[in-house]
Amino acid sequence: MRKSKINRKTSETDVKLEINLDSSKKSSVCTTIPFMDHMLDLFSAHAGITLNINAKGDTHIDDHHLVEDIGITLGQAFKKALGDKKGITRYGHFLLPMDEALAYVALDISGRPHLNYEVAIKFQQNGFNYDLIQEFFTAFVNNAGITLHIKMMKGRNNHHIAEAIFKGFGRAVAQAVSINKKNKKIPSTKGVL
């Protein structure tokens, strides 16, 4: 099975994370940031993966360090779980509606980190700084080694926009990590990703 476990402990955060790309058992996510718990639960459900996270940090200052370190740890675990990448589909994309919000997510498990994030969202609402979503994805992309494009097509409600992004990300990941039964090789003419 394609799974991994990463523990990241710094003077600011403590993140314990397990990921299983071949299991869709219910995930257990406890980050001490309820909004992130909700988004990561949505991501894992729509990706069809099992994700177990226990994370805490200096949220008495703000949520930035913890959100970023969860992205770092998830990216590292994702990359490790993919192993040699033989047989993966590699690409994934999804256009996801969430009420009035519409988000497009496309990714390439390329080995080349790049994030294009085009989301107009109010930064602070109900105690959560929505700007941290971009920080999360930047950290994930840099550590997973993927190319990721996230574009908000429409949206008014921050929560709906965020849900559309995380659900769309999950659906795109599900496509990209799926095994291509016709080709068990590394999906690149270079022979390496």
N, C-alpha and C. Protein backbone atom coordinates (compact mmCIF):
# COMPACT_ATOMS: atom_id res chain seq x y z
N MET A 1 0.83 -1.19 0.00
CA MET A 1 0.00 0.00 0.00
C MET A 1 0.87 1.25 0.00
N ARG A 2 0.37 2.29 -0.64
CA ARG A 2 1.10 3.56 -0.71
C ARG A 2 0.72 4.41 0.50
N LYS A 3 1.54 4.33 1.52
CA LYS A 3 1.27 5.07 2.74
C LYS A 3 2.57 5.56 3.34
N SER A 4 2.46 6.56 4.21
CA SER A 4 3.64 7.08 4.90
C SER A 4 3.22 7.76 6.18
N LYS A 5 4.22 8.00 7.00
CA LYS A 5 4.02 8.66 8.30
C LYS A 5 5.14 9.67 8.47
N ILE A 6 4.79 10.90 8.82
CA ILE A 6 5.77 11.97 9.04
C ILE A 6 5.45 12.66 10.36
N ASN A 7 6.46 12.87 11.16
CA ASN A 7 6.34 13.68 12.37
C ASN A 7 7.24 14.89 12.21
N ARG A 8 6.69 16.06 12.44
CA ARG A 8 7.46 17.31 12.35
C ARG A 8 7.28 18.07 13.65
N LYS A 9 8.36 18.27 14.36
CA LYS A 9 8.31 19.01 15.63
C LYS A 9 9.31 20.15 15.56
N THR A 10 8.81 21.36 15.79
CA THR A 10 9.66 22.55 15.84
C THR A 10 9.38 23.27 17.16
N SER A 11 10.03 24.39 17.37
CA SER A 11 9.75 25.18 18.57
C SER A 11 8.38 25.85 18.48
N GLU A 12 7.75 25.82 17.29
CA GLU A 12 6.46 26.47 17.08
C GLU A 12 5.30 25.49 16.94
N THR A 13 5.58 24.29 16.40
CA THR A 13 4.50 23.34 16.11
C THR A 13 4.93 21.90 16.36
N ASP A 14 3.92 21.04 16.47
CA ASP A 14 4.13 19.60 16.59
C ASP A 14 3.07 18.93 15.73
N VAL A 15 3.49 18.33 14.61
CA VAL A 15 2.56 17.75 13.65
C VAL A 15 2.89 16.27 13.46
N LYS A 16 1.89 15.42 13.71
CA LYS A 16 2.01 13.98 13.46
C LYS A 16 0.99 13.65 12.38
N LEU A 17 1.45 13.08 11.28
CA LEU A 17 0.57 12.87 10.13
C LEU A 17 0.81 11.52 9.49
N GLU A 18 -0.26 10.83 9.16
CA GLU A 18 -0.22 9.57 8.41
C GLU A 18 -1.15 9.70 7.22
N ILE A 19 -0.69 9.19 6.08
CA ILE A 19 -1.51 9.22 4.87
C ILE A 19 -1.48 7.84 4.22
N ASN A 20 -2.62 7.42 3.70
CA ASN A 20 -2.71 6.16 2.96
C ASN A 20 -3.49 6.45 1.68
N LEU A 21 -2.79 6.42 0.56
CA LEU A 21 -3.41 6.75 -0.73
C LEU A 21 -4.31 5.65 -1.25
N ASP A 22 -4.20 4.44 -0.66
CA ASP A 22 -4.97 3.29 -1.13
C ASP A 22 -6.05 2.86 -0.15
N SER A 23 -6.41 3.72 0.76
CA SER A 23 -7.46 3.42 1.73
C SER A 23 -8.43 4.58 1.80
N SER A 24 -9.69 4.27 1.92
CA SER A 24 -10.69 5.34 2.04
C SER A 24 -11.43 5.22 3.38
N LYS A 25 -10.75 4.66 4.39
CA LYS A 25 -11.34 4.64 5.73
C LYS A 25 -11.50 6.07 6.23
N LYS A 26 -12.39 6.25 7.18
CA LYS A 26 -12.63 7.59 7.72
C LYS A 26 -11.35 8.16 8.31
N SER A 27 -11.08 9.41 7.96
CA SER A 27 -9.90 10.10 8.45
C SER A 27 -10.13 10.63 9.85
N SER A 28 -9.04 10.90 10.54
CA SER A 28 -9.08 11.52 11.86
C SER A 28 -8.19 12.75 11.82
N VAL A 29 -8.80 13.93 11.89
CA VAL A 29 -8.05 15.18 11.76
C VAL A 29 -8.31 16.06 12.97
N CYS A 30 -7.25 16.36 13.70
CA CYS A 30 -7.34 17.24 14.86
C CYS A 30 -6.15 18.19 14.83
N THR A 31 -6.39 19.42 14.37
CA THR A 31 -5.31 20.39 14.22
C THR A 31 -5.39 21.53 15.25
N THR A 32 -6.41 21.53 16.06
CA THR A 32 -6.76 22.61 16.99
C THR A 32 -7.29 23.86 16.27
N ILE A 33 -7.40 23.79 14.95
CA ILE A 33 -8.02 24.86 14.16
C ILE A 33 -9.25 24.25 13.48
N PRO A 34 -10.43 24.42 14.06
CA PRO A 34 -11.63 23.73 13.54
C PRO A 34 -11.85 23.91 12.04
N PHE A 35 -11.59 25.09 11.52
CA PHE A 35 -11.79 25.32 10.08
C PHE A 35 -10.87 24.42 9.25
N MET A 36 -9.60 24.29 9.64
CA MET A 36 -8.67 23.41 8.92
C MET A 36 -9.05 21.96 9.06
N ASP A 37 -9.54 21.56 10.25
CA ASP A 37 -10.04 20.19 10.43
C ASP A 37 -11.11 19.90 9.38
N HIS A 38 -12.04 20.82 9.24
CA HIS A 38 -13.14 20.66 8.30
C HIS A 38 -12.63 20.56 6.86
N MET A 39 -11.73 21.47 6.46
CA MET A 39 -11.22 21.47 5.10
C MET A 39 -10.42 20.19 4.80
N LEU A 40 -9.61 19.73 5.74
CA LEU A 40 -8.80 18.52 5.52
C LEU A 40 -9.66 17.27 5.52
N ASP A 41 -10.75 17.26 6.31
CA ASP A 41 -11.71 16.16 6.24
C ASP A 41 -12.35 16.10 4.85
N LEU A 42 -12.74 17.27 4.34
CA LEU A 42 -13.33 17.33 3.00
C LEU A 42 -12.34 16.84 1.95
N PHE A 43 -11.10 17.33 2.04
CA PHE A 43 -10.06 16.92 1.10
C PHE A 43 -9.90 15.40 1.09
N SER A 44 -9.73 14.80 2.26
CA SER A 44 -9.47 13.35 2.31
C SER A 44 -10.66 12.56 1.80
N ALA A 45 -11.89 12.99 2.13
CA ALA A 45 -13.08 12.29 1.66
C ALA A 45 -13.19 12.34 0.14
N HIS A 46 -12.93 13.50 -0.45
CA HIS A 46 -13.06 13.65 -1.90
C HIS A 46 -11.87 13.05 -2.65
N ALA A 47 -10.72 12.95 -1.99
CA ALA A 47 -9.56 12.29 -2.61
C ALA A 47 -9.67 10.78 -2.49
N GLY A 48 -10.51 10.30 -1.59
CA GLY A 48 -10.64 8.86 -1.38
C GLY A 48 -9.41 8.28 -0.70
N ILE A 49 -8.83 9.05 0.22
CA ILE A 49 -7.63 8.61 0.93
C ILE A 49 -7.90 8.68 2.43
N THR A 50 -7.06 8.00 3.21
CA THR A 50 -7.15 8.10 4.66
C THR A 50 -6.05 9.03 5.14
N LEU A 51 -6.45 9.98 5.96
CA LEU A 51 -5.53 10.98 6.47
C LEU A 51 -5.74 11.10 7.97
N ASN A 52 -4.69 10.84 8.72
CA ASN A 52 -4.74 11.00 10.17
C ASN A 52 -3.74 12.07 10.58
N ILE A 53 -4.26 13.11 11.22
CA ILE A 53 -3.41 14.24 11.62
C ILE A 53 -3.70 14.59 13.08
N ASN A 54 -2.64 14.75 13.83
CA ASN A 54 -2.73 15.30 15.18
C ASN A 54 -1.71 16.43 15.22
N ALA A 55 -2.18 17.66 15.34
CA ALA A 55 -1.28 18.81 15.24
C ALA A 55 -1.64 19.87 16.25
N LYS A 56 -0.61 20.51 16.78
CA LYS A 56 -0.82 21.63 17.68
C LYS A 56 0.34 22.60 17.49
N GLY A 57 0.10 23.84 17.90
CA GLY A 57 1.14 24.84 17.73
C GLY A 57 0.82 26.12 18.46
N ASP A 58 1.58 27.14 18.14
CA ASP A 58 1.46 28.43 18.83
C ASP A 58 0.32 29.28 18.28
N THR A 59 -0.87 28.70 18.30
CA THR A 59 -2.05 29.41 17.77
C THR A 59 -2.47 30.57 18.66
N HIS A 60 -1.90 30.67 19.86
CA HIS A 60 -2.17 31.84 20.70
C HIS A 60 -1.56 33.10 20.06
N ILE A 61 -0.56 32.90 19.18
CA ILE A 61 0.01 34.03 18.42
C ILE A 61 -0.87 34.26 17.19
N ASP A 62 -0.94 33.27 16.33
CA ASP A 62 -1.91 33.19 15.23
C ASP A 62 -1.80 31.79 14.64
N ASP A 63 -2.58 31.53 13.59
CA ASP A 63 -2.64 30.18 13.01
C ASP A 63 -1.58 29.92 11.95
N HIS A 64 -0.80 30.93 11.59
CA HIS A 64 0.10 30.83 10.44
C HIS A 64 1.09 29.67 10.54
N HIS A 65 1.84 29.58 11.63
CA HIS A 65 2.87 28.54 11.74
C HIS A 65 2.27 27.14 11.62
N LEU A 66 1.13 26.93 12.28
CA LEU A 66 0.54 25.59 12.27
C LEU A 66 -0.02 25.24 10.89
N VAL A 67 -0.72 26.16 10.27
CA VAL A 67 -1.28 25.89 8.93
C VAL A 67 -0.15 25.59 7.94
N GLU A 68 0.90 26.39 7.97
CA GLU A 68 2.03 26.17 7.06
C GLU A 68 2.71 24.84 7.34
N ASP A 69 2.92 24.51 8.61
CA ASP A 69 3.61 23.26 8.94
C ASP A 69 2.76 22.03 8.62
N ILE A 70 1.45 22.16 8.69
CA ILE A 70 0.59 21.06 8.24
C ILE A 70 0.76 20.87 6.73
N GLY A 71 0.83 21.96 5.98
CA GLY A 71 1.07 21.87 4.54
C GLY A 71 2.41 21.24 4.23
N ILE A 72 3.44 21.62 4.97
CA ILE A 72 4.78 21.03 4.77
C ILE A 72 4.73 19.53 5.03
N THR A 73 4.17 19.14 6.17
CA THR A 73 4.13 17.73 6.57
C THR A 73 3.28 16.91 5.62
N LEU A 74 2.13 17.43 5.21
CA LEU A 74 1.28 16.71 4.27
C LEU A 74 1.99 16.55 2.93
N GLY A 75 2.68 17.58 2.47
CA GLY A 75 3.43 17.48 1.22
C GLY A 75 4.52 16.42 1.28
N GLN A 76 5.26 16.38 2.38
CA GLN A 76 6.32 15.39 2.56
C GLN A 76 5.74 13.97 2.60
N ALA A 77 4.64 13.81 3.33
CA ALA A 77 4.02 12.49 3.45
C ALA A 77 3.44 12.03 2.11
N PHE A 78 2.84 12.96 1.37
CA PHE A 78 2.27 12.66 0.06
C PHE A 78 3.37 12.17 -0.89
N LYS A 79 4.46 12.90 -0.93
CA LYS A 79 5.59 12.53 -1.81
C LYS A 79 6.15 11.16 -1.44
N LYS A 80 6.32 10.92 -0.16
CA LYS A 80 6.86 9.65 0.32
C LYS A 80 5.91 8.49 -0.01
N ALA A 81 4.60 8.72 0.17
CA ALA A 81 3.61 7.67 -0.11
C ALA A 81 3.56 7.30 -1.59
N LEU A 82 3.84 8.26 -2.47
CA LEU A 82 3.82 7.98 -3.91
C LEU A 82 4.96 7.07 -4.33
N GLY A 83 6.02 7.02 -3.55
CA GLY A 83 7.15 6.13 -3.86
C GLY A 83 7.78 6.47 -5.20
N ASP A 84 7.97 5.45 -6.04
CA ASP A 84 8.65 5.66 -7.33
C ASP A 84 7.70 6.21 -8.41
N LYS A 85 6.43 6.34 -8.10
CA LYS A 85 5.40 6.93 -8.99
C LYS A 85 5.09 6.07 -10.20
N LYS A 86 5.56 4.83 -10.23
CA LYS A 86 5.26 3.96 -11.37
C LYS A 86 3.76 3.68 -11.44
N GLY A 87 3.21 3.84 -12.62
CA GLY A 87 1.82 3.51 -12.88
C GLY A 87 0.81 4.57 -12.50
N ILE A 88 1.22 5.69 -11.90
CA ILE A 88 0.23 6.71 -11.54
C ILE A 88 -0.29 7.41 -12.79
N THR A 89 -1.48 7.93 -12.71
CA THR A 89 -2.06 8.69 -13.82
C THR A 89 -1.33 10.01 -14.01
N ARG A 90 -0.82 10.59 -12.95
CA ARG A 90 0.02 11.79 -12.90
C ARG A 90 -0.77 13.09 -12.93
N TYR A 91 -1.73 13.23 -13.80
CA TYR A 91 -2.48 14.48 -13.95
C TYR A 91 -3.88 14.34 -13.35
N GLY A 92 -4.40 15.45 -12.85
CA GLY A 92 -5.77 15.47 -12.37
C GLY A 92 -6.32 16.88 -12.45
N HIS A 93 -7.62 16.98 -12.67
CA HIS A 93 -8.26 18.31 -12.69
C HIS A 93 -9.73 18.15 -12.34
N PHE A 94 -10.28 19.20 -11.79
CA PHE A 94 -11.70 19.14 -11.42
C PHE A 94 -12.28 20.55 -11.34
N LEU A 95 -13.48 20.70 -11.85
CA LEU A 95 -14.24 21.94 -11.76
C LEU A 95 -15.35 21.66 -10.75
N LEU A 96 -15.28 22.32 -9.58
CA LEU A 96 -16.20 21.97 -8.51
C LEU A 96 -17.09 23.14 -8.10
N PRO A 97 -18.42 22.93 -8.18
CA PRO A 97 -19.35 23.95 -7.70
C PRO A 97 -19.68 23.71 -6.22
N MET A 98 -19.78 24.78 -5.48
CA MET A 98 -20.26 24.72 -4.08
C MET A 98 -21.20 25.90 -3.91
N ASP A 99 -22.48 25.65 -4.12
CA ASP A 99 -23.49 26.70 -4.13
C ASP A 99 -23.09 27.79 -5.14
N GLU A 100 -22.88 29.03 -4.69
CA GLU A 100 -22.55 30.10 -5.64
C GLU A 100 -21.07 30.11 -6.03
N ALA A 101 -20.26 29.31 -5.34
CA ALA A 101 -18.81 29.28 -5.61
C ALA A 101 -18.48 28.22 -6.65
N LEU A 102 -17.45 28.51 -7.44
CA LEU A 102 -17.00 27.58 -8.47
C LEU A 102 -15.48 27.67 -8.54
N ALA A 103 -14.81 26.54 -8.31
CA ALA A 103 -13.34 26.52 -8.30
C ALA A 103 -12.84 25.48 -9.28
N TYR A 104 -11.77 25.83 -9.98
CA TYR A 104 -11.10 24.91 -10.88
C TYR A 104 -9.72 24.58 -10.31
N VAL A 105 -9.43 23.29 -10.20
CA VAL A 105 -8.16 22.82 -9.66
C VAL A 105 -7.55 21.85 -10.66
N ALA A 106 -6.28 22.08 -11.02
CA ALA A 106 -5.56 21.18 -11.92
C ALA A 106 -4.16 20.93 -11.34
N LEU A 107 -3.70 19.69 -11.45
CA LEU A 107 -2.39 19.38 -10.90
C LEU A 107 -1.64 18.38 -11.75
N ASP A 108 -0.32 18.41 -11.57
CA ASP A 108 0.61 17.52 -12.25
C ASP A 108 1.62 17.05 -11.21
N ILE A 109 1.69 15.75 -10.99
CA ILE A 109 2.70 15.20 -10.08
C ILE A 109 3.99 15.10 -10.90
N SER A 110 4.64 16.23 -11.01
CA SER A 110 5.72 16.41 -11.98
C SER A 110 7.12 16.36 -11.38
N GLY A 111 7.22 16.52 -10.07
CA GLY A 111 8.54 16.68 -9.46
C GLY A 111 9.01 18.12 -9.49
N ARG A 112 8.19 19.00 -10.08
CA ARG A 112 8.54 20.42 -10.19
C ARG A 112 7.51 21.24 -9.41
N PRO A 113 7.91 21.80 -8.27
CA PRO A 113 6.95 22.56 -7.47
C PRO A 113 6.60 23.91 -8.10
N HIS A 114 5.31 24.13 -8.26
CA HIS A 114 4.82 25.42 -8.75
C HIS A 114 3.37 25.57 -8.30
N LEU A 115 3.02 26.73 -7.77
CA LEU A 115 1.65 27.03 -7.40
C LEU A 115 1.19 28.27 -8.13
N ASN A 116 0.06 28.17 -8.81
CA ASN A 116 -0.63 29.32 -9.37
C ASN A 116 -1.96 29.41 -8.63
N TYR A 117 -2.13 30.46 -7.86
CA TYR A 117 -3.28 30.59 -6.97
C TYR A 117 -4.01 31.89 -7.29
N GLU A 118 -5.17 31.77 -7.94
CA GLU A 118 -5.96 32.94 -8.33
C GLU A 118 -7.29 32.89 -7.61
N VAL A 119 -7.29 33.39 -6.38
CA VAL A 119 -8.49 33.33 -5.55
C VAL A 119 -8.70 34.70 -4.90
N ALA A 120 -9.85 35.29 -5.18
CA ALA A 120 -10.22 36.55 -4.53
C ALA A 120 -11.10 36.19 -3.35
N ILE A 121 -10.52 36.32 -2.16
CA ILE A 121 -11.23 35.91 -0.95
C ILE A 121 -10.94 36.93 0.15
N LYS A 122 -11.96 37.24 0.94
CA LYS A 122 -11.75 38.15 2.07
C LYS A 122 -10.82 37.47 3.05
N PHE A 123 -9.84 38.20 3.56
CA PHE A 123 -8.80 37.57 4.36
C PHE A 123 -9.26 37.09 5.73
N GLN A 124 -9.99 37.86 6.47
CA GLN A 124 -10.34 37.49 7.85
C GLN A 124 -11.84 37.38 7.99
N GLN A 125 -12.30 36.27 8.53
CA GLN A 125 -13.73 36.11 8.78
C GLN A 125 -13.91 35.02 9.82
N ASN A 126 -14.74 35.27 10.80
CA ASN A 126 -15.05 34.29 11.84
C ASN A 126 -13.80 33.73 12.51
N GLY A 127 -12.78 34.58 12.70
CA GLY A 127 -11.59 34.15 13.42
C GLY A 127 -10.55 33.42 12.58
N PHE A 128 -10.84 33.09 11.33
CA PHE A 128 -9.85 32.41 10.49
C PHE A 128 -9.35 33.36 9.40
N ASN A 129 -8.06 33.38 9.21
CA ASN A 129 -7.44 34.20 8.18
C ASN A 129 -7.39 33.39 6.88
N TYR A 130 -8.27 33.69 5.96
CA TYR A 130 -8.39 32.91 4.72
C TYR A 130 -7.17 33.02 3.82
N ASP A 131 -6.34 34.01 4.06
CA ASP A 131 -5.09 34.13 3.32
C ASP A 131 -4.17 32.94 3.60
N LEU A 132 -4.37 32.27 4.72
CA LEU A 132 -3.54 31.12 5.09
C LEU A 132 -3.79 29.91 4.18
N ILE A 133 -4.89 29.90 3.45
CA ILE A 133 -5.14 28.80 2.51
C ILE A 133 -4.03 28.78 1.47
N GLN A 134 -3.65 29.95 0.97
CA GLN A 134 -2.56 30.01 0.00
C GLN A 134 -1.25 29.55 0.65
N GLU A 135 -1.01 29.93 1.89
CA GLU A 135 0.21 29.49 2.59
C GLU A 135 0.23 27.97 2.73
N PHE A 136 -0.91 27.38 3.03
CA PHE A 136 -1.01 25.92 3.13
C PHE A 136 -0.63 25.26 1.81
N PHE A 137 -1.21 25.74 0.71
CA PHE A 137 -0.94 25.13 -0.58
C PHE A 137 0.49 25.39 -1.07
N THR A 138 1.04 26.55 -0.76
CA THR A 138 2.45 26.82 -1.10
C THR A 138 3.35 25.82 -0.40
N ALA A 139 3.12 25.60 0.88
CA ALA A 139 3.92 24.64 1.65
C ALA A 139 3.75 23.23 1.11
N PHE A 140 2.51 22.86 0.79
CA PHE A 140 2.25 21.51 0.26
C PHE A 140 2.98 21.29 -1.06
N VAL A 141 2.80 22.22 -1.99
CA VAL A 141 3.39 22.11 -3.32
C VAL A 141 4.92 22.01 -3.25
N ASN A 142 5.54 22.86 -2.45
CA ASN A 142 7.00 22.87 -2.35
C ASN A 142 7.55 21.57 -1.78
N ASN A 143 6.80 20.91 -0.93
CA ASN A 143 7.27 19.68 -0.30
C ASN A 143 6.82 18.42 -1.02
N ALA A 144 5.71 18.50 -1.73
CA ALA A 144 5.24 17.34 -2.51
C ALA A 144 5.90 17.30 -3.88
N GLY A 145 6.39 18.44 -4.36
CA GLY A 145 7.00 18.49 -5.69
C GLY A 145 5.97 18.36 -6.80
N ILE A 146 4.85 19.09 -6.67
CA ILE A 146 3.83 19.03 -7.70
C ILE A 146 3.59 20.43 -8.27
N THR A 147 2.98 20.46 -9.44
CA THR A 147 2.48 21.70 -10.03
C THR A 147 0.99 21.76 -9.73
N LEU A 148 0.53 22.88 -9.20
CA LEU A 148 -0.87 23.00 -8.80
C LEU A 148 -1.42 24.35 -9.23
N HIS A 149 -2.54 24.32 -9.92
CA HIS A 149 -3.25 25.54 -10.32
C HIS A 149 -4.61 25.55 -9.63
N ILE A 150 -4.91 26.63 -8.94
CA ILE A 150 -6.20 26.81 -8.28
C ILE A 150 -6.76 28.14 -8.74
N LYS A 151 -7.96 28.09 -9.33
CA LYS A 151 -8.58 29.32 -9.84
C LYS A 151 -10.03 29.37 -9.38
N MET A 152 -10.34 30.45 -8.71
CA MET A 152 -11.72 30.69 -8.32
C MET A 152 -12.44 31.32 -9.51
N MET A 153 -13.43 30.62 -10.01
CA MET A 153 -14.18 31.11 -11.16
C MET A 153 -15.28 32.08 -10.71
N LYS A 154 -15.94 31.72 -9.61
CA LYS A 154 -17.02 32.54 -9.06
C LYS A 154 -17.06 32.30 -7.55
N GLY A 155 -17.66 33.22 -6.84
CA GLY A 155 -17.85 32.99 -5.41
C GLY A 155 -18.06 34.27 -4.65
N ARG A 156 -18.83 34.17 -3.57
CA ARG A 156 -19.12 35.31 -2.71
C ARG A 156 -18.84 34.95 -1.26
N ASN A 157 -19.21 33.75 -0.86
CA ASN A 157 -19.09 33.31 0.52
C ASN A 157 -17.73 32.63 0.74
N ASN A 158 -16.95 33.12 1.70
CA ASN A 158 -15.61 32.57 1.95
C ASN A 158 -15.63 31.07 2.21
N HIS A 159 -16.57 30.64 3.03
CA HIS A 159 -16.62 29.22 3.38
C HIS A 159 -16.89 28.37 2.14
N HIS A 160 -17.80 28.80 1.31
CA HIS A 160 -18.11 28.06 0.08
C HIS A 160 -16.92 28.03 -0.87
N ILE A 161 -16.22 29.15 -0.97
CA ILE A 161 -15.03 29.21 -1.83
C ILE A 161 -13.98 28.22 -1.33
N ALA A 162 -13.73 28.24 -0.03
CA ALA A 162 -12.74 27.33 0.55
C ALA A 162 -13.14 25.88 0.35
N GLU A 163 -14.42 25.57 0.56
CA GLU A 163 -14.88 24.19 0.35
C GLU A 163 -14.71 23.77 -1.10
N ALA A 164 -15.05 24.64 -2.04
CA ALA A 164 -14.88 24.31 -3.45
C ALA A 164 -13.42 24.01 -3.77
N ILE A 165 -12.50 24.78 -3.18
CA ILE A 165 -11.07 24.58 -3.42
C ILE A 165 -10.61 23.24 -2.86
N PHE A 166 -10.92 22.96 -1.59
CA PHE A 166 -10.42 21.73 -0.96
C PHE A 166 -11.09 20.48 -1.54
N LYS A 167 -12.37 20.55 -1.85
CA LYS A 167 -13.04 19.41 -2.49
C LYS A 167 -12.49 19.18 -3.89
N GLY A 168 -12.32 20.27 -4.66
CA GLY A 168 -11.75 20.16 -6.00
C GLY A 168 -10.34 19.62 -5.97
N PHE A 169 -9.56 20.06 -4.99
CA PHE A 169 -8.20 19.55 -4.81
C PHE A 169 -8.23 18.05 -4.53
N GLY A 170 -9.15 17.63 -3.67
CA GLY A 170 -9.28 16.20 -3.39
C GLY A 170 -9.63 15.40 -4.64
N ARG A 171 -10.57 15.88 -5.42
CA ARG A 171 -10.97 15.17 -6.65
C ARG A 171 -9.83 15.10 -7.66
N ALA A 172 -9.06 16.19 -7.78
CA ALA A 172 -7.93 16.20 -8.70
C ALA A 172 -6.83 15.25 -8.22
N VAL A 173 -6.58 15.22 -6.92
CA VAL A 173 -5.60 14.28 -6.36
C VAL A 173 -6.04 12.84 -6.61
N ALA A 174 -7.32 12.55 -6.42
CA ALA A 174 -7.83 11.19 -6.66
C ALA A 174 -7.50 10.73 -8.08
N GLN A 175 -7.69 11.61 -9.05
CA GLN A 175 -7.37 11.26 -10.45
C GLN A 175 -5.87 11.03 -10.62
N ALA A 176 -5.08 11.97 -10.12
CA ALA A 176 -3.63 11.95 -10.36
C ALA A 176 -2.93 10.76 -9.72
N VAL A 177 -3.37 10.34 -8.53
CA VAL A 177 -2.70 9.22 -7.85
C VAL A 177 -3.26 7.87 -8.25
N SER A 178 -4.36 7.86 -9.02
CA SER A 178 -4.94 6.58 -9.44
C SER A 178 -3.95 5.83 -10.32
N ILE A 179 -4.05 4.51 -10.27
CA ILE A 179 -3.13 3.65 -11.02
C ILE A 179 -3.67 3.41 -12.42
N ASN A 180 -2.83 3.65 -13.41
CA ASN A 180 -3.16 3.39 -14.80
C ASN A 180 -2.86 1.91 -15.09
N LYS A 181 -3.88 1.11 -15.23
CA LYS A 181 -3.70 -0.34 -15.39
C LYS A 181 -3.06 -0.72 -16.72
N LYS A 182 -3.09 0.18 -17.70
CA LYS A 182 -2.48 -0.10 -19.00
C LYS A 182 -0.99 0.18 -19.04
N ASN A 183 -0.51 1.03 -18.12
CA ASN A 183 0.89 1.42 -18.17
C ASN A 183 1.45 1.49 -16.75
N LYS A 184 2.27 0.54 -16.39
CA LYS A 184 2.84 0.48 -15.04
C LYS A 184 4.17 1.21 -14.93
N LYS A 185 4.54 1.95 -15.96
CA LYS A 185 5.82 2.66 -15.97
C LYS A 185 5.64 4.05 -15.36
N ILE A 186 6.74 4.74 -15.17
CA ILE A 186 6.69 6.13 -14.73
C ILE A 186 6.11 6.95 -15.89
N PRO A 187 5.05 7.73 -15.63
CA PRO A 187 4.36 8.43 -16.71
C PRO A 187 5.11 9.69 -17.19
N SER A 188 6.26 9.47 -17.78
CA SER A 188 7.06 10.57 -18.33
C SER A 188 7.96 10.03 -19.43
N THR A 189 8.10 10.76 -20.51
CA THR A 189 9.01 10.34 -21.57
C THR A 189 10.47 10.41 -21.10
N LYS A 190 10.71 11.15 -20.01
CA LYS A 190 12.06 11.23 -19.44
C LYS A 190 12.40 9.97 -18.65
N GLY A 191 11.36 9.25 -18.23
CA GLY A 191 11.59 8.06 -17.41
C GLY A 191 11.75 8.36 -15.94
N VAL A 192 11.54 9.61 -15.56
CA VAL A 192 11.67 9.99 -14.15
C VAL A 192 10.75 11.18 -13.87
N LEU A 193 10.22 11.23 -12.66
CA LEU A 193 9.41 12.37 -12.22
C LEU A 193 10.02 12.93 -10.95
